[in-house]
Amino acid sequence: MSSAQDTRDPVRRKIEALGIKLSLPTVRRALGILEGEHLSHRSGGTGDTMDIRAYESGDEARFIDWKSSARAGRPMIAQRERLATSRVWMLLDVGREMSGSCVGGERAIDVAANALAMFGALCLRRSDDISLVLADAASITRMQFSGGFTEFEHRLDHSLENQLRHPRHIDALLDYANTITDRNALVVLATDESALGERQLHAISRLAQSHPIVVVDVATVNPFSKPSGFRHVVDAKTARRIPAFLAQPETAKVIDTHRGFTTAALRQELDHAGSTLLHCASSELMFGEFIRIISSSLTRAGHMQLATPKTPKLGGTGSGGTDE
């Protein structure tokens, strides 16, 4: 990531710093909470033993196998299968509607791209394979990637340079998601709130039953609310200016109510399926919401582990004591 880009987008600096500062076990645990853990046939976890080797400087002490170490007379490391996904699918709506503005002035596509960069930073730290899928009404393009975050970020930004020319086709993107046969693959869908209606909610709900899914739902400006900082509002589909006489409080309230209902329904469906919704109006808010979700999930998981008592065993005398 160049220094010029750092100056232009401070959120990317935070994303990169997050991926560097978090320990690898924390990254694995955080993403595991979002997706549900499963075997990946990769080393570095707590699953079945894959190999035994001698301890080397830099190895984590928690991976020492004490029985093997006692037999060998020196510290031995058990390489165990890692509980993590092997593939992450990032599905990005690149229809021209994603050029719509958020309240802070960012485009919806920029907020969505930053969200994918955030997931990319953590998934690549975990050595996952990423498939990036861009879709509009004209085409669906898939790019596979496994490498470093800097290269991923460059390819993501470069792939968006010639987008936003055609209308969106969110239904085609959801249909594509249903062709993903790996049920353990994490699916991250990024679009804006105006794309999601009743039909899309049902499709996302069905997808959440078969895959761990995160929906990045970017909140755009209400075109009828006379947003401050905007001289006028232009419709992304037609490029026509919204007439000033339509900017009435009653009309704006209808739009806000409908969007609020849709967001609440989507959140309920995803919560019920154990999946996640990121609904934000800026990259900064999106980053903060992601940190909040991860932190609260890790805290709850820690409390659950600490609060699990040992099951008492009844003594043979019927005294109600425990056998050590």
C-alpha atoms as a PDB file:
ATOM      1  CA  MET A   1       0.000   0.000   0.000  1.00  0.00           C
ATOM      2  CA  SER A   2       1.560   3.306  -1.080  1.00  0.00           C
ATOM      3  CA  SER A   3       1.957   6.325   1.154  1.00  0.00           C
ATOM      4  CA  ALA A   4      -0.347   8.276  -1.169  1.00  0.00           C
ATOM      5  CA  GLN A   5      -3.061   5.721  -0.627  1.00  0.00           C
ATOM      6  CA  ASP A   6      -2.461   5.834   3.136  1.00  0.00           C
ATOM      7  CA  THR A   7      -3.097   9.591   3.076  1.00  0.00           C
ATOM      8  CA  ARG A   8      -6.212   9.174   0.982  1.00  0.00           C
ATOM      9  CA  ASP A   9      -7.814   6.417   3.012  1.00  0.00           C
ATOM     10  CA  PRO A  10      -6.863   6.248   6.704  1.00  0.00           C
ATOM     11  CA  VAL A  11      -9.265   3.339   7.253  1.00  0.00           C
ATOM     12  CA  ARG A  12      -7.001   1.117   5.153  1.00  0.00           C
ATOM     13  CA  ARG A  13      -4.119   1.932   7.509  1.00  0.00           C
ATOM     14  CA  LYS A  14      -6.273   0.815  10.446  1.00  0.00           C
ATOM     15  CA  ILE A  15      -7.235  -2.368   8.632  1.00  0.00           C
ATOM     16  CA  GLU A  16      -3.630  -3.259   7.857  1.00  0.00           C
ATOM     17  CA  ALA A  17      -2.560  -2.445  11.415  1.00  0.00           C
ATOM     18  CA  LEU A  18      -5.348  -4.637  12.776  1.00  0.00           C
ATOM     19  CA  GLY A  19      -4.159  -7.606  10.750  1.00  0.00           C
ATOM     20  CA  ILE A  20      -0.563  -7.093  11.906  1.00  0.00           C
ATOM     21  CA  LYS A  21      -1.222  -6.421  15.591  1.00  0.00           C
ATOM     22  CA  LEU A  22      -3.673  -9.245  16.278  1.00  0.00           C
ATOM     23  CA  SER A  23      -1.992 -12.506  17.194  1.00  0.00           C
ATOM     24  CA  LEU A  24      -2.646 -15.408  14.850  1.00  0.00           C
ATOM     25  CA  PRO A  25      -4.582 -17.396  17.497  1.00  0.00           C
ATOM     26  CA  THR A  26      -6.818 -14.365  18.062  1.00  0.00           C
ATOM     27  CA  VAL A  27      -7.428 -13.985  14.316  1.00  0.00           C
ATOM     28  CA  ARG A  28      -8.365 -17.643  14.024  1.00  0.00           C
ATOM     29  CA  ARG A  29     -10.669 -17.489  17.008  1.00  0.00           C
ATOM     30  CA  ALA A  30     -12.349 -14.275  15.835  1.00  0.00           C
ATOM     31  CA  LEU A  31     -13.067 -15.568  12.342  1.00  0.00           C
ATOM     32  CA  GLY A  32     -14.031 -18.958  13.739  1.00  0.00           C
ATOM     33  CA  ILE A  33     -16.738 -17.287  15.798  1.00  0.00           C
ATOM     34  CA  LEU A  34     -18.171 -15.685  12.649  1.00  0.00           C
ATOM     35  CA  GLU A  35     -18.127 -18.816  10.549  1.00  0.00           C
ATOM     36  CA  GLY A  36     -18.234 -21.837  12.856  1.00  0.00           C
ATOM     37  CA  GLU A  37     -15.072 -23.905  13.109  1.00  0.00           C
ATOM     38  CA  HIS A  38     -14.409 -27.020  11.089  1.00  0.00           C
ATOM     39  CA  LEU A  39     -11.473 -29.090   9.900  1.00  0.00           C
ATOM     40  CA  SER A  40      -9.373 -27.532   7.165  1.00  0.00           C
ATOM     41  CA  HIS A  41      -6.646 -30.174   6.637  1.00  0.00           C
ATOM     42  CA  ARG A  42      -4.062 -27.503   7.561  1.00  0.00           C
ATOM     43  CA  SER A  43      -1.653 -27.487  10.469  1.00  0.00           C
ATOM     44  CA  GLY A  44      -1.575 -24.964  13.281  1.00  0.00           C
ATOM     45  CA  GLY A  45      -4.667 -25.752  15.303  1.00  0.00           C
ATOM     46  CA  THR A  46      -6.081 -28.047  17.964  1.00  0.00           C
ATOM     47  CA  GLY A  47      -7.617 -30.795  15.850  1.00  0.00           C
ATOM     48  CA  ASP A  48      -6.232 -34.255  15.082  1.00  0.00           C
ATOM     49  CA  THR A  49      -2.452 -34.740  15.153  1.00  0.00           C
ATOM     50  CA  MET A  50      -0.915 -34.459  11.696  1.00  0.00           C
ATOM     51  CA  ASP A  51       2.819 -34.712  12.519  1.00  0.00           C
ATOM     52  CA  ILE A  52       5.312 -34.732  15.419  1.00  0.00           C
ATOM     53  CA  ARG A  53       8.596 -32.820  15.187  1.00  0.00           C
ATOM     54  CA  ALA A  54      11.286 -31.382  17.436  1.00  0.00           C
ATOM     55  CA  TYR A  55      10.655 -28.047  19.136  1.00  0.00           C
ATOM     56  CA  GLU A  56      12.245 -25.064  17.371  1.00  0.00           C
ATOM     57  CA  SER A  57      12.821 -21.506  18.531  1.00  0.00           C
ATOM     58  CA  GLY A  58       9.672 -19.470  17.939  1.00  0.00           C
ATOM     59  CA  ASP A  59       7.219 -22.363  18.327  1.00  0.00           C
ATOM     60  CA  GLU A  60       4.278 -21.767  20.657  1.00  0.00           C
ATOM     61  CA  ALA A  61       4.620 -23.627  23.949  1.00  0.00           C
ATOM     62  CA  ARG A  62       0.966 -24.663  23.827  1.00  0.00           C
ATOM     63  CA  PHE A  63       1.744 -26.983  20.913  1.00  0.00           C
ATOM     64  CA  ILE A  64       4.266 -29.042  22.914  1.00  0.00           C
ATOM     65  CA  ASP A  65       3.173 -32.671  23.153  1.00  0.00           C
ATOM     66  CA  TRP A  66       4.336 -33.739  26.598  1.00  0.00           C
ATOM     67  CA  LYS A  67       3.935 -37.502  26.099  1.00  0.00           C
ATOM     68  CA  SER A  68       6.017 -37.407  22.908  1.00  0.00           C
ATOM     69  CA  SER A  69       8.520 -35.106  24.633  1.00  0.00           C
ATOM     70  CA  ALA A  70       8.911 -37.594  27.522  1.00  0.00           C
ATOM     71  CA  ARG A  71       9.539 -40.469  25.105  1.00  0.00           C
ATOM     72  CA  ALA A  72      12.013 -38.485  23.009  1.00  0.00           C
ATOM     73  CA  GLY A  73      13.797 -36.867  25.947  1.00  0.00           C
ATOM     74  CA  ARG A  74      13.422 -33.399  24.421  1.00  0.00           C
ATOM     75  CA  PRO A  75      10.531 -30.984  23.649  1.00  0.00           C
ATOM     76  CA  MET A  76       8.428 -32.156  20.724  1.00  0.00           C
ATOM     77  CA  ILE A  77       5.783 -30.189  18.834  1.00  0.00           C
ATOM     78  CA  ALA A  78       2.529 -31.808  17.729  1.00  0.00           C
ATOM     79  CA  GLN A  79       1.338 -30.283  14.476  1.00  0.00           C
ATOM     80  CA  ARG A  80      -2.423 -30.533  14.690  1.00  0.00           C
ATOM     81  CA  GLU A  81      -5.111 -29.889  12.143  1.00  0.00           C
ATOM     82  CA  ARG A  82      -6.341 -26.321  12.208  1.00  0.00           C
ATOM     83  CA  LEU A  83     -10.014 -25.541  12.767  1.00  0.00           C
ATOM     84  CA  ALA A  84     -10.680 -22.922  10.085  1.00  0.00           C
ATOM     85  CA  THR A  85     -12.283 -22.424   6.734  1.00  0.00           C
ATOM     86  CA  SER A  86     -10.217 -23.283   3.654  1.00  0.00           C
ATOM     87  CA  ARG A  87     -11.901 -20.785   1.344  1.00  0.00           C
ATOM     88  CA  VAL A  88     -13.583 -17.404   1.620  1.00  0.00           C
ATOM     89  CA  TRP A  89     -15.947 -16.105  -1.059  1.00  0.00           C
ATOM     90  CA  MET A  90     -16.274 -12.319  -1.288  1.00  0.00           C
ATOM     91  CA  LEU A  91     -19.272 -11.325  -3.409  1.00  0.00           C
ATOM     92  CA  LEU A  92     -19.334  -7.646  -4.353  1.00  0.00           C
ATOM     93  CA  ASP A  93     -22.170  -5.760  -6.027  1.00  0.00           C
ATOM     94  CA  VAL A  94     -20.541  -3.479  -8.631  1.00  0.00           C
ATOM     95  CA  GLY A  95     -23.710  -2.103 -10.226  1.00  0.00           C
ATOM     96  CA  ARG A  96     -23.768   1.627 -10.919  1.00  0.00           C
ATOM     97  CA  GLU A  97     -26.124   2.040  -7.946  1.00  0.00           C
ATOM     98  CA  MET A  98     -23.069   1.433  -5.737  1.00  0.00           C
ATOM     99  CA  SER A  99     -21.819   4.872  -6.789  1.00  0.00           C
ATOM    100  CA  GLY A 100     -24.472   6.247  -4.434  1.00  0.00           C
ATOM    101  CA  SER A 101     -23.252   8.495  -1.638  1.00  0.00           C
ATOM    102  CA  CYS A 102     -23.337   7.882   2.087  1.00  0.00           C
ATOM    103  CA  VAL A 103     -24.097  10.658   4.574  1.00  0.00           C
ATOM    104  CA  GLY A 104     -20.398  11.379   5.084  1.00  0.00           C
ATOM    105  CA  GLY A 105     -19.713  11.695   1.359  1.00  0.00           C
ATOM    106  CA  GLU A 106     -18.157   8.277   0.723  1.00  0.00           C
ATOM    107  CA  ARG A 107     -19.473   6.168  -2.118  1.00  0.00           C
ATOM    108  CA  ALA A 108     -21.168   2.920  -1.161  1.00  0.00           C
ATOM    109  CA  ILE A 109     -18.635   0.978  -3.244  1.00  0.00           C
ATOM    110  CA  ASP A 110     -15.758   2.485  -1.237  1.00  0.00           C
ATOM    111  CA  VAL A 111     -17.300   1.444   2.086  1.00  0.00           C
ATOM    112  CA  ALA A 112     -17.995  -2.044   0.714  1.00  0.00           C
ATOM    113  CA  ALA A 113     -14.445  -2.384  -0.641  1.00  0.00           C
ATOM    114  CA  ASN A 114     -12.996  -1.365   2.724  1.00  0.00           C
ATOM    115  CA  ALA A 115     -15.152  -3.995   4.412  1.00  0.00           C
ATOM    116  CA  LEU A 116     -13.803  -6.666   2.062  1.00  0.00           C
ATOM    117  CA  ALA A 117     -10.264  -5.407   2.659  1.00  0.00           C
ATOM    118  CA  MET A 118     -10.852  -5.837   6.389  1.00  0.00           C
ATOM    119  CA  PHE A 119     -11.937  -9.445   5.978  1.00  0.00           C
ATOM    120  CA  GLY A 120      -9.128  -9.993   3.491  1.00  0.00           C
ATOM    121  CA  ALA A 121      -6.492  -8.799   5.966  1.00  0.00           C
ATOM    122  CA  LEU A 122      -7.611 -11.334   8.581  1.00  0.00           C
ATOM    123  CA  CYS A 123      -8.335 -14.230   6.225  1.00  0.00           C
ATOM    124  CA  LEU A 124      -4.987 -13.915   4.480  1.00  0.00           C
ATOM    125  CA  ARG A 125      -3.259 -13.784   7.853  1.00  0.00           C
ATOM    126  CA  ARG A 126      -4.880 -17.167   8.446  1.00  0.00           C
ATOM    127  CA  SER A 127      -3.641 -18.374   5.003  1.00  0.00           C
ATOM    128  CA  ASP A 128      -7.126 -18.841   3.565  1.00  0.00           C
ATOM    129  CA  ASP A 129      -7.814 -18.863  -0.163  1.00  0.00           C
ATOM    130  CA  ILE A 130     -10.037 -16.010  -1.348  1.00  0.00           C
ATOM    131  CA  SER A 131     -12.364 -15.886  -4.334  1.00  0.00           C
ATOM    132  CA  LEU A 132     -13.475 -12.347  -5.209  1.00  0.00           C
ATOM    133  CA  VAL A 133     -16.655 -12.206  -7.302  1.00  0.00           C
ATOM    134  CA  LEU A 134     -17.798  -8.947  -8.950  1.00  0.00           C
ATOM    135  CA  ALA A 135     -21.286  -8.832 -10.412  1.00  0.00           C
ATOM    136  CA  ASP A 136     -23.559  -6.430 -12.280  1.00  0.00           C
ATOM    137  CA  ALA A 137     -26.248  -6.829 -14.924  1.00  0.00           C
ATOM    138  CA  ALA A 138     -23.660  -7.317 -17.677  1.00  0.00           C
ATOM    139  CA  SER A 139     -21.311  -9.904 -16.196  1.00  0.00           C
ATOM    140  CA  ILE A 140     -20.080 -11.907 -13.221  1.00  0.00           C
ATOM    141  CA  THR A 141     -16.309 -12.045 -12.792  1.00  0.00           C
ATOM    142  CA  ARG A 142     -14.438 -14.308 -10.388  1.00  0.00           C
ATOM    143  CA  MET A 143     -10.829 -13.791  -9.312  1.00  0.00           C
ATOM    144  CA  GLN A 144      -8.976 -16.262  -7.110  1.00  0.00           C
ATOM    145  CA  PHE A 145      -6.330 -15.027  -4.747  1.00  0.00           C
ATOM    146  CA  SER A 146      -3.922 -16.326  -2.115  1.00  0.00           C
ATOM    147  CA  GLY A 147      -1.018 -14.138  -1.081  1.00  0.00           C
ATOM    148  CA  GLY A 148      -0.274 -11.067   0.997  1.00  0.00           C
ATOM    149  CA  PHE A 149      -2.624  -8.275   1.991  1.00  0.00           C
ATOM    150  CA  THR A 150      -0.837  -5.591  -0.029  1.00  0.00           C
ATOM    151  CA  GLU A 151      -1.263  -7.552  -3.257  1.00  0.00           C
ATOM    152  CA  PHE A 152      -4.874  -8.376  -2.410  1.00  0.00           C
ATOM    153  CA  GLU A 153      -5.638  -4.712  -1.737  1.00  0.00           C
ATOM    154  CA  HIS A 154      -4.015  -3.653  -5.002  1.00  0.00           C
ATOM    155  CA  ARG A 155      -5.971  -6.206  -7.036  1.00  0.00           C
ATOM    156  CA  LEU A 156      -9.223  -5.310  -5.301  1.00  0.00           C
ATOM    157  CA  ASP A 157      -8.827  -1.597  -6.020  1.00  0.00           C
ATOM    158  CA  HIS A 158      -7.602  -2.205  -9.564  1.00  0.00           C
ATOM    159  CA  SER A 159     -10.579  -4.466 -10.333  1.00  0.00           C
ATOM    160  CA  LEU A 160     -12.969  -1.659  -9.370  1.00  0.00           C
ATOM    161  CA  GLU A 161     -11.478   0.980 -11.662  1.00  0.00           C
ATOM    162  CA  ASN A 162     -13.674   0.106 -14.652  1.00  0.00           C
ATOM    163  CA  GLN A 163     -16.819  -0.895 -12.758  1.00  0.00           C
ATOM    164  CA  LEU A 164     -20.088   0.891 -11.911  1.00  0.00           C
ATOM    165  CA  ARG A 165     -21.032   1.202 -15.590  1.00  0.00           C
ATOM    166  CA  HIS A 166     -23.985  -1.174 -15.649  1.00  0.00           C
ATOM    167  CA  PRO A 167     -27.065  -1.596 -13.460  1.00  0.00           C
ATOM    168  CA  ARG A 168     -26.848  -4.006 -10.556  1.00  0.00           C
ATOM    169  CA  HIS A 169     -28.183  -7.551 -10.630  1.00  0.00           C
ATOM    170  CA  ILE A 170     -28.233  -8.625  -7.003  1.00  0.00           C
ATOM    171  CA  ASP A 171     -30.417 -11.660  -7.769  1.00  0.00           C
ATOM    172  CA  ALA A 172     -27.757 -13.036 -10.125  1.00  0.00           C
ATOM    173  CA  LEU A 173     -25.138 -12.533  -7.402  1.00  0.00           C
ATOM    174  CA  LEU A 174     -27.265 -14.442  -4.895  1.00  0.00           C
ATOM    175  CA  ASP A 175     -27.894 -17.201  -7.442  1.00  0.00           C
ATOM    176  CA  TYR A 176     -24.137 -17.457  -7.897  1.00  0.00           C
ATOM    177  CA  ALA A 177     -23.696 -17.756  -4.137  1.00  0.00           C
ATOM    178  CA  ASN A 178     -26.020 -20.754  -4.136  1.00  0.00           C
ATOM    179  CA  THR A 179     -23.667 -22.567  -6.525  1.00  0.00           C
ATOM    180  CA  ILE A 180     -20.898 -22.603  -3.892  1.00  0.00           C
ATOM    181  CA  THR A 181     -20.794 -26.279  -2.954  1.00  0.00           C
ATOM    182  CA  ASP A 182     -18.389 -25.997  -0.012  1.00  0.00           C
ATOM    183  CA  ARG A 183     -20.775 -25.552   2.915  1.00  0.00           C
ATOM    184  CA  ASN A 184     -17.880 -24.644   5.214  1.00  0.00           C
ATOM    185  CA  ALA A 185     -16.763 -21.716   3.048  1.00  0.00           C
ATOM    186  CA  LEU A 186     -17.348 -18.271   4.531  1.00  0.00           C
ATOM    187  CA  VAL A 187     -19.450 -16.064   2.237  1.00  0.00           C
ATOM    188  CA  VAL A 188     -19.155 -12.274   2.538  1.00  0.00           C
ATOM    189  CA  LEU A 189     -21.796 -10.400   0.516  1.00  0.00           C
ATOM    190  CA  ALA A 190     -21.339  -6.635   0.086  1.00  0.00           C
ATOM    191  CA  THR A 191     -24.021  -4.343  -1.344  1.00  0.00           C
ATOM    192  CA  ASP A 192     -26.072  -1.333  -0.244  1.00  0.00           C
ATOM    193  CA  GLU A 193     -29.400  -1.279   1.560  1.00  0.00           C
ATOM    194  CA  SER A 194     -31.407  -0.187  -1.473  1.00  0.00           C
ATOM    195  CA  ALA A 195     -30.611  -3.506  -3.184  1.00  0.00           C
ATOM    196  CA  LEU A 196     -32.362  -5.645  -0.608  1.00  0.00           C
ATOM    197  CA  GLY A 197     -36.091  -6.276  -0.824  1.00  0.00           C
ATOM    198  CA  GLU A 198     -38.308  -9.108   0.315  1.00  0.00           C
ATOM    199  CA  ARG A 199     -37.126 -11.487  -2.412  1.00  0.00           C
ATOM    200  CA  GLN A 200     -33.476 -10.858  -1.581  1.00  0.00           C
ATOM    201  CA  LEU A 201     -34.113 -11.331   2.144  1.00  0.00           C
ATOM    202  CA  HIS A 202     -35.583 -14.772   1.468  1.00  0.00           C
ATOM    203  CA  ALA A 203     -32.619 -15.679  -0.751  1.00  0.00           C
ATOM    204  CA  ILE A 204     -30.096 -14.561   1.873  1.00  0.00           C
ATOM    205  CA  SER A 205     -32.014 -16.454   4.552  1.00  0.00           C
ATOM    206  CA  ARG A 206     -31.819 -19.669   2.505  1.00  0.00           C
ATOM    207  CA  LEU A 207     -28.113 -19.114   1.872  1.00  0.00           C
ATOM    208  CA  ALA A 208     -27.489 -18.607   5.592  1.00  0.00           C
ATOM    209  CA  GLN A 209     -28.964 -22.045   6.258  1.00  0.00           C
ATOM    210  CA  SER A 210     -26.227 -23.711   4.211  1.00  0.00           C
ATOM    211  CA  HIS A 211     -23.229 -21.403   4.627  1.00  0.00           C
ATOM    212  CA  PRO A 212     -21.736 -19.114   7.249  1.00  0.00           C
ATOM    213  CA  ILE A 213     -22.443 -15.670   5.808  1.00  0.00           C
ATOM    214  CA  VAL A 214     -21.637 -12.055   6.568  1.00  0.00           C
ATOM    215  CA  VAL A 215     -23.727  -9.375   4.837  1.00  0.00           C
ATOM    216  CA  VAL A 216     -22.140  -5.947   4.468  1.00  0.00           C
ATOM    217  CA  ASP A 217     -25.132  -3.639   4.034  1.00  0.00           C
ATOM    218  CA  VAL A 218     -24.013  -0.078   3.275  1.00  0.00           C
ATOM    219  CA  ALA A 219     -26.437   2.670   4.309  1.00  0.00           C
ATOM    220  CA  THR A 220     -26.706   5.402   1.674  1.00  0.00           C
ATOM    221  CA  VAL A 221     -28.155   8.885   1.935  1.00  0.00           C
ATOM    222  CA  ASN A 222     -31.922   9.276   1.957  1.00  0.00           C
ATOM    223  CA  PRO A 223     -32.546  11.186  -1.306  1.00  0.00           C
ATOM    224  CA  PHE A 224     -35.625  12.933   0.102  1.00  0.00           C
ATOM    225  CA  SER A 225     -34.172  14.101   3.408  1.00  0.00           C
ATOM    226  CA  LYS A 226     -32.326  17.222   2.167  1.00  0.00           C
ATOM    227  CA  PRO A 227     -28.972  15.864   3.311  1.00  0.00           C
ATOM    228  CA  SER A 228     -26.540  18.516   4.531  1.00  0.00           C
ATOM    229  CA  GLY A 229     -23.373  18.885   2.483  1.00  0.00           C
ATOM    230  CA  PHE A 230     -25.094  17.936  -0.782  1.00  0.00           C
ATOM    231  CA  ARG A 231     -26.125  20.612  -3.283  1.00  0.00           C
ATOM    232  CA  HIS A 232     -28.473  18.183  -4.965  1.00  0.00           C
ATOM    233  CA  VAL A 233     -29.144  14.444  -5.155  1.00  0.00           C
ATOM    234  CA  VAL A 234     -28.812  12.524  -8.432  1.00  0.00           C
ATOM    235  CA  ASP A 235     -30.443   9.170  -9.138  1.00  0.00           C
ATOM    236  CA  ALA A 236     -27.714   6.586  -9.805  1.00  0.00           C
ATOM    237  CA  LYS A 237     -29.793   4.658 -12.342  1.00  0.00           C
ATOM    238  CA  THR A 238     -30.826   7.555 -14.575  1.00  0.00           C
ATOM    239  CA  ALA A 239     -28.284  10.254 -13.603  1.00  0.00           C
ATOM    240  CA  ARG A 240     -31.222  12.628 -13.225  1.00  0.00           C
ATOM    241  CA  ARG A 241     -31.414  15.151 -10.430  1.00  0.00           C
ATOM    242  CA  ILE A 242     -34.078  14.463  -7.781  1.00  0.00           C
ATOM    243  CA  PRO A 243     -36.639  17.314  -7.966  1.00  0.00           C
ATOM    244  CA  ALA A 244     -36.460  19.606  -4.957  1.00  0.00           C
ATOM    245  CA  PHE A 245     -40.230  19.454  -4.365  1.00  0.00           C
ATOM    246  CA  LEU A 246     -39.924  15.718  -3.584  1.00  0.00           C
ATOM    247  CA  ALA A 247     -37.600  16.401  -0.652  1.00  0.00           C
ATOM    248  CA  GLN A 248     -40.360  16.464   1.938  1.00  0.00           C
ATOM    249  CA  PRO A 249     -40.216  15.171   5.532  1.00  0.00           C
ATOM    250  CA  GLU A 250     -43.136  12.816   4.941  1.00  0.00           C
ATOM    251  CA  THR A 251     -41.446  11.198   1.929  1.00  0.00           C
ATOM    252  CA  ALA A 252     -38.126  10.931   3.735  1.00  0.00           C
ATOM    253  CA  LYS A 253     -39.829   9.290   6.708  1.00  0.00           C
ATOM    254  CA  VAL A 254     -41.396   6.634   4.475  1.00  0.00           C
ATOM    255  CA  ILE A 255     -37.974   5.788   3.035  1.00  0.00           C
ATOM    256  CA  ASP A 256     -36.355   5.645   6.494  1.00  0.00           C
ATOM    257  CA  THR A 257     -39.147   3.431   7.832  1.00  0.00           C
ATOM    258  CA  HIS A 258     -38.885   1.017   4.916  1.00  0.00           C
ATOM    259  CA  ARG A 259     -35.093   0.809   5.193  1.00  0.00           C
ATOM    260  CA  GLY A 260     -35.275   0.325   8.943  1.00  0.00           C
ATOM    261  CA  PHE A 261     -37.797  -2.489   8.568  1.00  0.00           C
ATOM    262  CA  THR A 262     -35.678  -4.223   5.915  1.00  0.00           C
ATOM    263  CA  THR A 263     -32.511  -3.955   7.994  1.00  0.00           C
ATOM    264  CA  ALA A 264     -34.249  -5.287  11.108  1.00  0.00           C
ATOM    265  CA  ALA A 265     -35.714  -8.216   9.162  1.00  0.00           C
ATOM    266  CA  LEU A 266     -32.329  -9.067   7.655  1.00  0.00           C
ATOM    267  CA  ARG A 267     -30.603  -8.881  11.032  1.00  0.00           C
ATOM    268  CA  GLN A 268     -33.220 -11.160  12.574  1.00  0.00           C
ATOM    269  CA  GLU A 269     -32.857 -13.737   9.808  1.00  0.00           C
ATOM    270  CA  LEU A 270     -29.053 -13.734  10.030  1.00  0.00           C
ATOM    271  CA  ASP A 271     -29.050 -13.871  13.829  1.00  0.00           C
ATOM    272  CA  HIS A 272     -31.404 -16.829  13.711  1.00  0.00           C
ATOM    273  CA  ALA A 273     -29.017 -18.645  11.338  1.00  0.00           C
ATOM    274  CA  GLY A 274     -25.945 -17.704  13.400  1.00  0.00           C
ATOM    275  CA  SER A 275     -24.647 -15.321  10.729  1.00  0.00           C
ATOM    276  CA  THR A 276     -23.641 -11.657  10.846  1.00  0.00           C
ATOM    277  CA  LEU A 277     -24.850  -8.305   9.512  1.00  0.00           C
ATOM    278  CA  LEU A 278     -22.605  -5.254   9.181  1.00  0.00           C
ATOM    279  CA  HIS A 279     -24.889  -2.265   8.537  1.00  0.00           C
ATOM    280  CA  CYS A 280     -22.988   1.036   8.444  1.00  0.00           C
ATOM    281  CA  ALA A 281     -22.970   4.403   6.686  1.00  0.00           C
ATOM    282  CA  SER A 282     -19.180   4.905   6.510  1.00  0.00           C
ATOM    283  CA  SER A 283     -15.901   3.002   6.507  1.00  0.00           C
ATOM    284  CA  GLU A 284     -15.069   4.296   9.989  1.00  0.00           C
ATOM    285  CA  LEU A 285     -18.391   3.102  11.404  1.00  0.00           C
ATOM    286  CA  MET A 286     -18.040  -0.213   9.596  1.00  0.00           C
ATOM    287  CA  PHE A 287     -14.576  -0.746  11.079  1.00  0.00           C
ATOM    288  CA  GLY A 288     -15.818   0.132  14.551  1.00  0.00           C
ATOM    289  CA  GLU A 289     -18.854  -2.134  14.253  1.00  0.00           C
ATOM    290  CA  PHE A 290     -16.666  -5.040  13.163  1.00  0.00           C
ATOM    291  CA  ILE A 291     -14.374  -4.542  16.166  1.00  0.00           C
ATOM    292  CA  ARG A 292     -17.419  -4.369  18.466  1.00  0.00           C
ATOM    293  CA  ILE A 293     -18.911  -7.596  17.083  1.00  0.00           C
ATOM    294  CA  ILE A 294     -15.628  -9.469  17.329  1.00  0.00           C
ATOM    295  CA  SER A 295     -14.851  -8.151  20.820  1.00  0.00           C
ATOM    296  CA  SER A 296     -18.289  -8.973  22.216  1.00  0.00           C
ATOM    297  CA  SER A 297     -18.240 -12.430  20.614  1.00  0.00           C
ATOM    298  CA  LEU A 298     -14.797 -13.225  22.036  1.00  0.00           C
ATOM    299  CA  THR A 299     -15.882 -11.957  25.450  1.00  0.00           C
ATOM    300  CA  ARG A 300     -19.037 -14.071  25.421  1.00  0.00           C
ATOM    301  CA  ALA A 301     -17.061 -17.127  24.338  1.00  0.00           C
ATOM    302  CA  GLY A 302     -14.582 -16.533  27.171  1.00  0.00           C
ATOM    303  CA  HIS A 303     -17.346 -16.173  29.733  1.00  0.00           C
ATOM    304  CA  MET A 304     -18.977 -19.365  28.500  1.00  0.00           C
ATOM    305  CA  GLN A 305     -15.710 -21.269  28.911  1.00  0.00           C
ATOM    306  CA  LEU A 306     -15.039 -19.849  32.373  1.00  0.00           C
ATOM    307  CA  ALA A 307     -18.593 -20.399  33.542  1.00  0.00           C
ATOM    308  CA  THR A 308     -18.751 -24.073  32.606  1.00  0.00           C
ATOM    309  CA  PRO A 309     -18.541 -25.995  35.918  1.00  0.00           C
ATOM    310  CA  LYS A 310     -17.212 -29.478  36.362  1.00  0.00           C
ATOM    311  CA  THR A 311     -19.927 -32.068  36.607  1.00  0.00           C
ATOM    312  CA  PRO A 312     -19.869 -33.389  40.167  1.00  0.00           C
ATOM    313  CA  LYS A 313     -19.519 -37.110  40.648  1.00  0.00           C
ATOM    314  CA  LEU A 314     -21.505 -38.741  43.396  1.00  0.00           C
ATOM    315  CA  GLY A 315     -19.406 -40.530  45.984  1.00  0.00           C
ATOM    316  CA  GLY A 316     -19.996 -44.174  46.731  1.00  0.00           C
ATOM    317  CA  THR A 317     -21.210 -43.354  50.278  1.00  0.00           C
ATOM    318  CA  GLY A 318     -23.950 -41.097  48.968  1.00  0.00           C
ATOM    319  CA  SER A 319     -22.468 -38.120  50.811  1.00  0.00           C
ATOM    320  CA  GLY A 320     -22.775 -35.926  47.742  1.00  0.00           C
ATOM    321  CA  GLY A 321     -19.027 -35.258  47.676  1.00  0.00           C
ATOM    322  CA  THR A 322     -16.891 -35.295  44.540  1.00  0.00           C
ATOM    323  CA  ASP A 323     -14.255 -37.862  43.595  1.00  0.00           C
ATOM    324  CA  GLU A 324     -10.937 -36.279  42.672  1.00  0.00           C
END
